[in-house]
Amino acid sequence: MSAPAPAKKPMIAFTVGSKVSVRSAGGKDDVLLSEGTFRGLVSIGGDSSLALELEAASKRDKGRIRLIPLNALLSIDIVEAVKPEEEKRAEPPATGYFR
């Protein structure tokens, strides 16, 4: 008897809309914990930052967009991944006899 084939693990994709928990460098030796929805990458002055829509417990922070410079990232936990959209290819319009 042969051993069953191992189950195929899904590919990991860091997609816009995923729920994440991000740890980044704060002031001095502090670690800043940010939880929310990944909204994409933003470039400011040539430096890229992670855009995160906060889902904090306090009313003040909920819905705010926090930009976290990529060089300040310590870790990203993907809490709930959103599947990437399928690439949609438009069919060229038919011309002539083939409509």
PDB file of N, CA and C in Angstrom:
ATOM      1  N   MET A   1       0.837  -1.175   0.000  1.00  0.00           N
ATOM      2  CA  MET A   1       0.000   0.000   0.000  1.00  0.00           C
ATOM      3  C   MET A   1       0.884   1.241   0.000  1.00  0.00           C
ATOM      4  N   SER A   2       0.504   2.190  -0.816  1.00  0.00           N
ATOM      5  CA  SER A   2       1.263   3.434  -0.858  1.00  0.00           C
ATOM      6  C   SER A   2       0.557   4.480   0.004  1.00  0.00           C
ATOM      7  N   ALA A   3       1.345   5.409   0.486  1.00  0.00           N
ATOM      8  CA  ALA A   3       0.797   6.481   1.336  1.00  0.00           C
ATOM      9  C   ALA A   3      -0.034   7.421   0.473  1.00  0.00           C
ATOM     10  N   PRO A   4      -1.114   7.980   1.036  1.00  0.00           N
ATOM     11  CA  PRO A   4      -1.933   8.915   0.260  1.00  0.00           C
ATOM     12  C   PRO A   4      -1.129  10.177  -0.071  1.00  0.00           C
ATOM     13  N   ALA A   5      -1.441  10.747  -1.211  1.00  0.00           N
ATOM     14  CA  ALA A   5      -0.757  11.966  -1.631  1.00  0.00           C
ATOM     15  C   ALA A   5      -1.103  13.100  -0.676  1.00  0.00           C
ATOM     16  N   PRO A   6      -0.120  13.926  -0.330  1.00  0.00           N
ATOM     17  CA  PRO A   6      -0.419  15.035   0.581  1.00  0.00           C
ATOM     18  C   PRO A   6      -1.381  16.021  -0.068  1.00  0.00           C
ATOM     19  N   ALA A   7      -2.246  16.599   0.759  1.00  0.00           N
ATOM     20  CA  ALA A   7      -3.210  17.571   0.251  1.00  0.00           C
ATOM     21  C   ALA A   7      -2.469  18.802  -0.235  1.00  0.00           C
ATOM     22  N   LYS A   8      -2.920  19.332  -1.358  1.00  0.00           N
ATOM     23  CA  LYS A   8      -2.280  20.507  -1.929  1.00  0.00           C
ATOM     24  C   LYS A   8      -2.723  21.733  -1.145  1.00  0.00           C
ATOM     25  N   LYS A   9      -1.760  22.525  -0.677  1.00  0.00           N
ATOM     26  CA  LYS A   9      -2.074  23.735   0.061  1.00  0.00           C
ATOM     27  C   LYS A   9      -2.311  24.872  -0.916  1.00  0.00           C
ATOM     28  N   PRO A  10      -3.295  25.727  -0.618  1.00  0.00           N
ATOM     29  CA  PRO A  10      -3.554  26.846  -1.521  1.00  0.00           C
ATOM     30  C   PRO A  10      -2.392  27.832  -1.492  1.00  0.00           C
ATOM     31  N   MET A  11      -2.168  28.496  -2.627  1.00  0.00           N
ATOM     32  CA  MET A  11      -1.114  29.486  -2.730  1.00  0.00           C
ATOM     33  C   MET A  11      -1.479  30.702  -1.879  1.00  0.00           C
ATOM     34  N   ILE A  12      -0.501  31.267  -1.217  1.00  0.00           N
ATOM     35  CA  ILE A  12      -0.740  32.437  -0.382  1.00  0.00           C
ATOM     36  C   ILE A  12      -0.670  33.677  -1.250  1.00  0.00           C
ATOM     37  N   ALA A  13      -1.682  34.529  -1.128  1.00  0.00           N
ATOM     38  CA  ALA A  13      -1.717  35.782  -1.879  1.00  0.00           C
ATOM     39  C   ALA A  13      -2.117  36.901  -0.942  1.00  0.00           C
ATOM     40  N   PHE A  14      -1.334  37.956  -0.924  1.00  0.00           N
ATOM     41  CA  PHE A  14      -1.623  39.123  -0.104  1.00  0.00           C
ATOM     42  C   PHE A  14      -2.432  40.077  -0.972  1.00  0.00           C
ATOM     43  N   THR A  15      -3.748  39.977  -0.868  1.00  0.00           N
ATOM     44  CA  THR A  15      -4.635  40.694  -1.778  1.00  0.00           C
ATOM     45  C   THR A  15      -5.355  41.846  -1.089  1.00  0.00           C
ATOM     46  N   VAL A  16      -5.700  42.840  -1.886  1.00  0.00           N
ATOM     47  CA  VAL A  16      -6.463  43.981  -1.392  1.00  0.00           C
ATOM     48  C   VAL A  16      -7.790  43.477  -0.842  1.00  0.00           C
ATOM     49  N   GLY A  17      -8.157  43.947   0.327  1.00  0.00           N
ATOM     50  CA  GLY A  17      -9.392  43.517   0.979  1.00  0.00           C
ATOM     51  C   GLY A  17      -9.180  42.479   2.057  1.00  0.00           C
ATOM     52  N   SER A  18      -7.960  41.934   2.152  1.00  0.00           N
ATOM     53  CA  SER A  18      -7.669  40.940   3.182  1.00  0.00           C
ATOM     54  C   SER A  18      -7.607  41.598   4.553  1.00  0.00           C
ATOM     55  N   LYS A  19      -8.086  40.880   5.556  1.00  0.00           N
ATOM     56  CA  LYS A  19      -8.010  41.343   6.939  1.00  0.00           C
ATOM     57  C   LYS A  19      -6.631  40.959   7.465  1.00  0.00           C
ATOM     58  N   VAL A  20      -5.911  41.929   8.037  1.00  0.00           N
ATOM     59  CA  VAL A  20      -4.551  41.685   8.480  1.00  0.00           C
ATOM     60  C   VAL A  20      -4.282  42.294   9.849  1.00  0.00           C
ATOM     61  N   SER A  21      -3.241  41.788  10.480  1.00  0.00           N
ATOM     62  CA  SER A  21      -2.708  42.338  11.718  1.00  0.00           C
ATOM     63  C   SER A  21      -1.238  42.621  11.437  1.00  0.00           C
ATOM     64  N   VAL A  22      -0.839  43.890  11.541  1.00  0.00           N
ATOM     65  CA  VAL A  22       0.508  44.310  11.154  1.00  0.00           C
ATOM     66  C   VAL A  22       1.254  44.816  12.375  1.00  0.00           C
ATOM     67  N   ARG A  23       2.467  44.329  12.544  1.00  0.00           N
ATOM     68  CA  ARG A  23       3.367  44.838  13.585  1.00  0.00           C
ATOM     69  C   ARG A  23       4.447  45.624  12.874  1.00  0.00           C
ATOM     70  N   SER A  24       4.640  46.859  13.333  1.00  0.00           N
ATOM     71  CA  SER A  24       5.649  47.719  12.716  1.00  0.00           C
ATOM     72  C   SER A  24       6.432  48.452  13.794  1.00  0.00           C
ATOM     73  N   ALA A  25       7.578  48.979  13.394  1.00  0.00           N
ATOM     74  CA  ALA A  25       8.420  49.725  14.325  1.00  0.00           C
ATOM     75  C   ALA A  25       7.753  51.043  14.649  1.00  0.00           C
ATOM     76  N   GLY A  26       7.645  51.328  15.931  1.00  0.00           N
ATOM     77  CA  GLY A  26       7.099  52.600  16.384  1.00  0.00           C
ATOM     78  C   GLY A  26       8.242  53.504  16.810  1.00  0.00           C
ATOM     79  N   GLY A  27       7.967  54.432  17.693  1.00  0.00           N
ATOM     80  CA  GLY A  27       9.009  55.310  18.203  1.00  0.00           C
ATOM     81  C   GLY A  27       9.948  54.566  19.132  1.00  0.00           C
ATOM     82  N   LYS A  28      11.228  54.893  19.067  1.00  0.00           N
ATOM     83  CA  LYS A  28      12.287  54.270  19.880  1.00  0.00           C
ATOM     84  C   LYS A  28      12.234  52.754  19.757  1.00  0.00           C
ATOM     85  N   ASP A  29      11.963  52.053  20.859  1.00  0.00           N
ATOM     86  CA  ASP A  29      11.925  50.579  20.836  1.00  0.00           C
ATOM     87  C   ASP A  29      10.511  50.041  20.881  1.00  0.00           C
ATOM     88  N   ASP A  30       9.532  50.858  20.519  1.00  0.00           N
ATOM     89  CA  ASP A  30       8.132  50.445  20.570  1.00  0.00           C
ATOM     90  C   ASP A  30       7.735  49.665  19.320  1.00  0.00           C
ATOM     91  N   VAL A  31       6.746  48.783  19.499  1.00  0.00           N
ATOM     92  CA  VAL A  31       6.137  48.057  18.386  1.00  0.00           C
ATOM     93  C   VAL A  31       4.699  48.530  18.277  1.00  0.00           C
ATOM     94  N   LEU A  32       4.301  48.922  17.072  1.00  0.00           N
ATOM     95  CA  LEU A  32       2.941  49.403  16.825  1.00  0.00           C
ATOM     96  C   LEU A  32       2.136  48.274  16.208  1.00  0.00           C
ATOM     97  N   LEU A  33       0.996  47.938  16.807  1.00  0.00           N
ATOM     98  CA  LEU A  33       0.107  46.903  16.283  1.00  0.00           C
ATOM     99  C   LEU A  33      -1.057  47.579  15.586  1.00  0.00           C
ATOM    100  N   SER A  34      -1.265  47.246  14.315  1.00  0.00           N
ATOM    101  CA  SER A  34      -2.357  47.815  13.527  1.00  0.00           C
ATOM    102  C   SER A  34      -3.179  46.670  12.964  1.00  0.00           C
ATOM    103  N   GLU A  35      -4.500  46.717  13.165  1.00  0.00           N
ATOM    104  CA  GLU A  35      -5.389  45.680  12.645  1.00  0.00           C
ATOM    105  C   GLU A  35      -6.412  46.325  11.749  1.00  0.00           C
ATOM    106  N   GLY A  36      -6.655  45.685  10.599  1.00  0.00           N
ATOM    107  CA  GLY A  36      -7.630  46.247   9.682  1.00  0.00           C
ATOM    108  C   GLY A  36      -7.621  45.559   8.341  1.00  0.00           C
ATOM    109  N   THR A  37      -8.033  46.300   7.320  1.00  0.00           N
ATOM    110  CA  THR A  37      -8.172  45.781   5.960  1.00  0.00           C
ATOM    111  C   THR A  37      -7.092  46.365   5.071  1.00  0.00           C
ATOM    112  N   PHE A  38      -6.365  45.501   4.373  1.00  0.00           N
ATOM    113  CA  PHE A  38      -5.317  45.940   3.453  1.00  0.00           C
ATOM    114  C   PHE A  38      -5.959  46.620   2.249  1.00  0.00           C
ATOM    115  N   ARG A  39      -5.557  47.860   1.982  1.00  0.00           N
ATOM    116  CA  ARG A  39      -6.128  48.642   0.881  1.00  0.00           C
ATOM    117  C   ARG A  39      -5.167  48.826  -0.288  1.00  0.00           C
ATOM    118  N   GLY A  40      -3.899  48.443  -0.149  1.00  0.00           N
ATOM    119  CA  GLY A  40      -2.970  48.528  -1.258  1.00  0.00           C
ATOM    120  C   GLY A  40      -1.657  49.167  -0.849  1.00  0.00           C
ATOM    121  N   LEU A  41      -0.828  49.456  -1.848  1.00  0.00           N
ATOM    122  CA  LEU A  41       0.448  50.102  -1.626  1.00  0.00           C
ATOM    123  C   LEU A  41       0.367  51.537  -2.113  1.00  0.00           C
ATOM    124  N   VAL A  42       1.015  52.445  -1.387  1.00  0.00           N
ATOM    125  CA  VAL A  42       1.014  53.865  -1.715  1.00  0.00           C
ATOM    126  C   VAL A  42       2.462  54.319  -1.777  1.00  0.00           C
ATOM    127  N   SER A  43       2.781  55.122  -2.765  1.00  0.00           N
ATOM    128  CA  SER A  43       4.123  55.665  -2.887  1.00  0.00           C
ATOM    129  C   SER A  43       4.098  57.143  -2.537  1.00  0.00           C
ATOM    130  N   ILE A  44       4.944  57.523  -1.569  1.00  0.00           N
ATOM    131  CA  ILE A  44       5.055  58.919  -1.162  1.00  0.00           C
ATOM    132  C   ILE A  44       6.531  59.286  -1.224  1.00  0.00           C
ATOM    133  N   GLY A  45       6.864  60.216  -2.091  1.00  0.00           N
ATOM    134  CA  GLY A  45       8.253  60.659  -2.208  1.00  0.00           C
ATOM    135  C   GLY A  45       9.208  59.551  -2.578  1.00  0.00           C
ATOM    136  N   GLY A  46       8.765  58.586  -3.325  1.00  0.00           N
ATOM    137  CA  GLY A  46       9.618  57.481  -3.749  1.00  0.00           C
ATOM    138  C   GLY A  46       9.672  56.319  -2.775  1.00  0.00           C
ATOM    139  N   ASP A  47       9.091  56.468  -1.583  1.00  0.00           N
ATOM    140  CA  ASP A  47       9.049  55.377  -0.612  1.00  0.00           C
ATOM    141  C   ASP A  47       7.671  54.739  -0.625  1.00  0.00           C
ATOM    142  N   SER A  48       7.631  53.423  -0.596  1.00  0.00           N
ATOM    143  CA  SER A  48       6.351  52.712  -0.609  1.00  0.00           C
ATOM    144  C   SER A  48       5.867  52.451   0.801  1.00  0.00           C
ATOM    145  N   SER A  49       4.554  52.533   0.970  1.00  0.00           N
ATOM    146  CA  SER A  49       3.911  52.274   2.256  1.00  0.00           C
ATOM    147  C   SER A  49       2.723  51.359   2.058  1.00  0.00           C
ATOM    148  N   LEU A  50       2.418  50.604   3.092  1.00  0.00           N
ATOM    149  CA  LEU A  50       1.252  49.734   3.126  1.00  0.00           C
ATOM    150  C   LEU A  50       0.068  50.575   3.603  1.00  0.00           C
ATOM    151  N   ALA A  51      -1.029  50.576   2.865  1.00  0.00           N
ATOM    152  CA  ALA A  51      -2.227  51.313   3.271  1.00  0.00           C
ATOM    153  C   ALA A  51      -3.163  50.345   3.976  1.00  0.00           C
ATOM    154  N   LEU A  52      -3.518  50.684   5.219  1.00  0.00           N
ATOM    155  CA  LEU A  52      -4.343  49.813   6.046  1.00  0.00           C
ATOM    156  C   LEU A  52      -5.513  50.610   6.594  1.00  0.00           C
ATOM    157  N   GLU A  53      -6.743  50.150   6.305  1.00  0.00           N
ATOM    158  CA  GLU A  53      -7.934  50.779   6.880  1.00  0.00           C
ATOM    159  C   GLU A  53      -8.148  50.171   8.251  1.00  0.00           C
ATOM    160  N   LEU A  54      -8.004  50.996   9.276  1.00  0.00           N
ATOM    161  CA  LEU A  54      -8.030  50.495  10.649  1.00  0.00           C
ATOM    162  C   LEU A  54      -9.420  50.046  11.087  1.00  0.00           C
ATOM    163  N   GLU A  55      -9.434  49.009  11.905  1.00  0.00           N
ATOM    164  CA  GLU A  55     -10.666  48.501  12.510  1.00  0.00           C
ATOM    165  C   GLU A  55     -10.472  48.460  14.014  1.00  0.00           C
ATOM    166  N   ALA A  56     -10.021  49.564  14.567  1.00  0.00           N
ATOM    167  CA  ALA A  56      -9.731  49.649  15.995  1.00  0.00           C
ATOM    168  C   ALA A  56     -11.019  49.660  16.803  1.00  0.00           C
ATOM    169  N   ALA A  57     -10.878  49.302  18.051  1.00  0.00           N
ATOM    170  CA  ALA A  57     -12.037  49.288  18.943  1.00  0.00           C
ATOM    171  C   ALA A  57     -12.526  50.705  19.250  1.00  0.00           C
ATOM    172  N   SER A  58     -11.608  51.676  19.220  1.00  0.00           N
ATOM    173  CA  SER A  58     -12.024  53.047  19.527  1.00  0.00           C
ATOM    174  C   SER A  58     -12.668  53.694  18.303  1.00  0.00           C
ATOM    175  N   LYS A  59     -13.645  54.539  18.553  1.00  0.00           N
ATOM    176  CA  LYS A  59     -14.349  55.223  17.459  1.00  0.00           C
ATOM    177  C   LYS A  59     -13.410  56.163  16.711  1.00  0.00           C
ATOM    178  N   ARG A  60     -12.416  56.687  17.415  1.00  0.00           N
ATOM    179  CA  ARG A  60     -11.506  57.665  16.812  1.00  0.00           C
ATOM    180  C   ARG A  60     -10.702  57.074  15.654  1.00  0.00           C
ATOM    181  N   ASP A  61     -10.239  55.841  15.785  1.00  0.00           N
ATOM    182  CA  ASP A  61      -9.380  55.242  14.768  1.00  0.00           C
ATOM    183  C   ASP A  61     -10.126  54.434  13.712  1.00  0.00           C
ATOM    184  N   LYS A  62     -11.301  53.955  14.022  1.00  0.00           N
ATOM    185  CA  LYS A  62     -12.030  53.082  13.091  1.00  0.00           C
ATOM    186  C   LYS A  62     -12.261  53.798  11.761  1.00  0.00           C
ATOM    187  N   GLY A  63     -11.841  53.152  10.675  1.00  0.00           N
ATOM    188  CA  GLY A  63     -12.040  53.696   9.337  1.00  0.00           C
ATOM    189  C   GLY A  63     -10.898  54.576   8.848  1.00  0.00           C
ATOM    190  N   ARG A  64      -9.994  54.946   9.716  1.00  0.00           N
ATOM    191  CA  ARG A  64      -8.845  55.747   9.291  1.00  0.00           C
ATOM    192  C   ARG A  64      -7.917  54.896   8.442  1.00  0.00           C
ATOM    193  N   ILE A  65      -7.204  55.559   7.533  1.00  0.00           N
ATOM    194  CA  ILE A  65      -6.207  54.869   6.717  1.00  0.00           C
ATOM    195  C   ILE A  65      -4.844  55.135   7.342  1.00  0.00           C
ATOM    196  N   ARG A  66      -4.152  54.066   7.712  1.00  0.00           N
ATOM    197  CA  ARG A  66      -2.797  54.190   8.254  1.00  0.00           C
ATOM    198  C   ARG A  66      -1.817  53.755   7.175  1.00  0.00           C
ATOM    199  N   LEU A  67      -0.829  54.610   6.905  1.00  0.00           N
ATOM    200  CA  LEU A  67       0.237  54.281   5.961  1.00  0.00           C
ATOM    201  C   LEU A  67       1.447  53.824   6.762  1.00  0.00           C
ATOM    202  N   ILE A  68       1.897  52.609   6.492  1.00  0.00           N
ATOM    203  CA  ILE A  68       3.025  52.030   7.213  1.00  0.00           C
ATOM    204  C   ILE A  68       4.160  51.841   6.217  1.00  0.00           C
ATOM    205  N   PRO A  69       5.268  52.569   6.386  1.00  0.00           N
ATOM    206  CA  PRO A  69       6.401  52.416   5.467  1.00  0.00           C
ATOM    207  C   PRO A  69       6.888  50.964   5.438  1.00  0.00           C
ATOM    208  N   LEU A  70       7.206  50.471   4.247  1.00  0.00           N
ATOM    209  CA  LEU A  70       7.618  49.074   4.123  1.00  0.00           C
ATOM    210  C   LEU A  70       8.861  48.767   4.954  1.00  0.00           C
ATOM    211  N   ASN A  71       9.770  49.750   5.091  1.00  0.00           N
ATOM    212  CA  ASN A  71      10.982  49.472   5.860  1.00  0.00           C
ATOM    213  C   ASN A  71      10.729  49.436   7.362  1.00  0.00           C
ATOM    214  N   ALA A  72       9.509  49.773   7.813  1.00  0.00           N
ATOM    215  CA  ALA A  72       9.158  49.705   9.235  1.00  0.00           C
ATOM    216  C   ALA A  72       8.396  48.421   9.577  1.00  0.00           C
ATOM    217  N   LEU A  73       8.051  47.617   8.581  1.00  0.00           N
ATOM    218  CA  LEU A  73       7.281  46.392   8.830  1.00  0.00           C
ATOM    219  C   LEU A  73       8.108  45.366   9.592  1.00  0.00           C
ATOM    220  N   LEU A  74       7.495  44.786  10.610  1.00  0.00           N
ATOM    221  CA  LEU A  74       8.121  43.700  11.350  1.00  0.00           C
ATOM    222  C   LEU A  74       7.458  42.370  11.007  1.00  0.00           C
ATOM    223  N   SER A  75       6.109  42.379  10.934  1.00  0.00           N
ATOM    224  CA  SER A  75       5.387  41.166  10.558  1.00  0.00           C
ATOM    225  C   SER A  75       3.995  41.524  10.065  1.00  0.00           C
ATOM    226  N   ILE A  76       3.449  40.637   9.233  1.00  0.00           N
ATOM    227  CA  ILE A  76       2.082  40.767   8.751  1.00  0.00           C
ATOM    228  C   ILE A  76       1.404  39.419   8.963  1.00  0.00           C
ATOM    229  N   ASP A  77       0.326  39.410   9.747  1.00  0.00           N
ATOM    230  CA  ASP A  77      -0.484  38.202   9.918  1.00  0.00           C
ATOM    231  C   ASP A  77      -1.722  38.360   9.046  1.00  0.00           C
ATOM    232  N   ILE A  78      -1.929  37.416   8.147  1.00  0.00           N
ATOM    233  CA  ILE A  78      -3.138  37.440   7.313  1.00  0.00           C
ATOM    234  C   ILE A  78      -4.221  36.711   8.090  1.00  0.00           C
ATOM    235  N   VAL A  79      -5.185  37.473   8.602  1.00  0.00           N
ATOM    236  CA  VAL A  79      -6.251  36.926   9.425  1.00  0.00           C
ATOM    237  C   VAL A  79      -7.314  36.276   8.554  1.00  0.00           C
ATOM    238  N   GLU A  80      -7.685  36.959   7.482  1.00  0.00           N
ATOM    239  CA  GLU A  80      -8.697  36.460   6.557  1.00  0.00           C
ATOM    240  C   GLU A  80      -8.313  36.903   5.144  1.00  0.00           C
ATOM    241  N   ALA A  81      -7.901  35.956   4.323  1.00  0.00           N
ATOM    242  CA  ALA A  81      -7.459  36.273   2.974  1.00  0.00           C
ATOM    243  C   ALA A  81      -8.644  36.383   2.015  1.00  0.00           C
ATOM    244  N   VAL A  82      -8.538  37.316   1.109  1.00  0.00           N
ATOM    245  CA  VAL A  82      -9.523  37.474   0.043  1.00  0.00           C
ATOM    246  C   VAL A  82      -8.915  36.855  -1.205  1.00  0.00           C
ATOM    247  N   LYS A  83      -9.679  36.031  -1.902  1.00  0.00           N
ATOM    248  CA  LYS A  83      -9.166  35.394  -3.112  1.00  0.00           C
ATOM    249  C   LYS A  83      -8.949  36.439  -4.191  1.00  0.00           C
ATOM    250  N   PRO A  84      -7.822  36.323  -4.921  1.00  0.00           N
ATOM    251  CA  PRO A  84      -7.594  37.276  -6.019  1.00  0.00           C
ATOM    252  C   PRO A  84      -8.627  37.071  -7.116  1.00  0.00           C
ATOM    253  N   GLU A  85      -9.004  38.179  -7.744  1.00  0.00           N
ATOM    254  CA  GLU A  85      -9.993  38.088  -8.817  1.00  0.00           C
ATOM    255  C   GLU A  85      -9.369  37.412 -10.025  1.00  0.00           C
ATOM    256  N   GLU A  86     -10.200  36.665 -10.719  1.00  0.00           N
ATOM    257  CA  GLU A  86      -9.744  36.018 -11.940  1.00  0.00           C
ATOM    258  C   GLU A  86      -9.444  37.083 -12.978  1.00  0.00           C
ATOM    259  N   GLU A  87      -8.408  36.842 -13.749  1.00  0.00           N
ATOM    260  CA  GLU A  87      -8.081  37.792 -14.806  1.00  0.00           C
ATOM    261  C   GLU A  87      -9.165  37.712 -15.870  1.00  0.00           C
ATOM    262  N   LYS A  88      -9.724  38.850 -16.180  1.00  0.00           N
ATOM    263  CA  LYS A  88     -10.805  38.884 -17.160  1.00  0.00           C
ATOM    264  C   LYS A  88     -10.256  39.363 -18.490  1.00  0.00           C
ATOM    265  N   ARG A  89     -10.457  38.570 -19.506  1.00  0.00           N
ATOM    266  CA  ARG A  89      -9.994  38.931 -20.834  1.00  0.00           C
ATOM    267  C   ARG A  89     -11.203  39.196 -21.710  1.00  0.00           C
ATOM    268  N   ALA A  90     -11.222  40.364 -22.263  1.00  0.00           N
ATOM    269  CA  ALA A  90     -12.342  40.733 -23.130  1.00  0.00           C
ATOM    270  C   ALA A  90     -12.138  40.099 -24.502  1.00  0.00           C
ATOM    271  N   GLU A  91     -13.209  39.514 -24.975  1.00  0.00           N
ATOM    272  CA  GLU A  91     -13.164  38.955 -26.319  1.00  0.00           C
ATOM    273  C   GLU A  91     -13.244  40.092 -27.328  1.00  0.00           C
ATOM    274  N   PRO A  92     -12.404  40.082 -28.345  1.00  0.00           N
ATOM    275  CA  PRO A  92     -12.514  41.141 -29.355  1.00  0.00           C
ATOM    276  C   PRO A  92     -13.836  41.002 -30.099  1.00  0.00           C
ATOM    277  N   PRO A  93     -14.431  42.128 -30.459  1.00  0.00           N
ATOM    278  CA  PRO A  93     -15.712  42.039 -31.167  1.00  0.00           C
ATOM    279  C   PRO A  93     -15.534  41.351 -32.519  1.00  0.00           C
ATOM    280  N   ALA A  94     -16.509  40.522 -32.822  1.00  0.00           N
ATOM    281  CA  ALA A  94     -16.461  39.806 -34.105  1.00  0.00           C
ATOM    282  C   ALA A  94     -16.835  40.750 -35.233  1.00  0.00           C
ATOM    283  N   THR A  95     -16.136  40.604 -36.315  1.00  0.00           N
ATOM    284  CA  THR A  95     -16.435  41.437 -37.492  1.00  0.00           C
ATOM    285  C   THR A  95     -16.658  40.540 -38.700  1.00  0.00           C
ATOM    286  N   GLY A  96     -17.243  41.120 -39.712  1.00  0.00           N
ATOM    287  CA  GLY A  96     -17.453  40.365 -40.934  1.00  0.00           C
ATOM    288  C   GLY A  96     -18.521  39.309 -40.793  1.00  0.00           C
ATOM    289  N   TYR A  97     -18.238  38.136 -41.293  1.00  0.00           N
ATOM    290  CA  TYR A  97     -19.232  37.043 -41.316  1.00  0.00           C
ATOM    291  C   TYR A  97     -19.393  36.392 -39.946  1.00  0.00           C
ATOM    292  N   PHE A  98     -18.420  36.521 -39.098  1.00  0.00           N
ATOM    293  CA  PHE A  98     -18.457  35.806 -37.822  1.00  0.00           C
ATOM    294  C   PHE A  98     -18.936  36.739 -36.702  1.00  0.00           C
ATOM    295  N   ARG A  99     -20.252  36.843 -36.566  1.00  0.00           N
ATOM    296  CA  ARG A  99     -20.815  37.702 -35.527  1.00  0.00           C
ATOM    297  C   ARG A  99     -21.430  36.883 -34.451  1.00  0.00           C
TER     298      ARG A  99
END
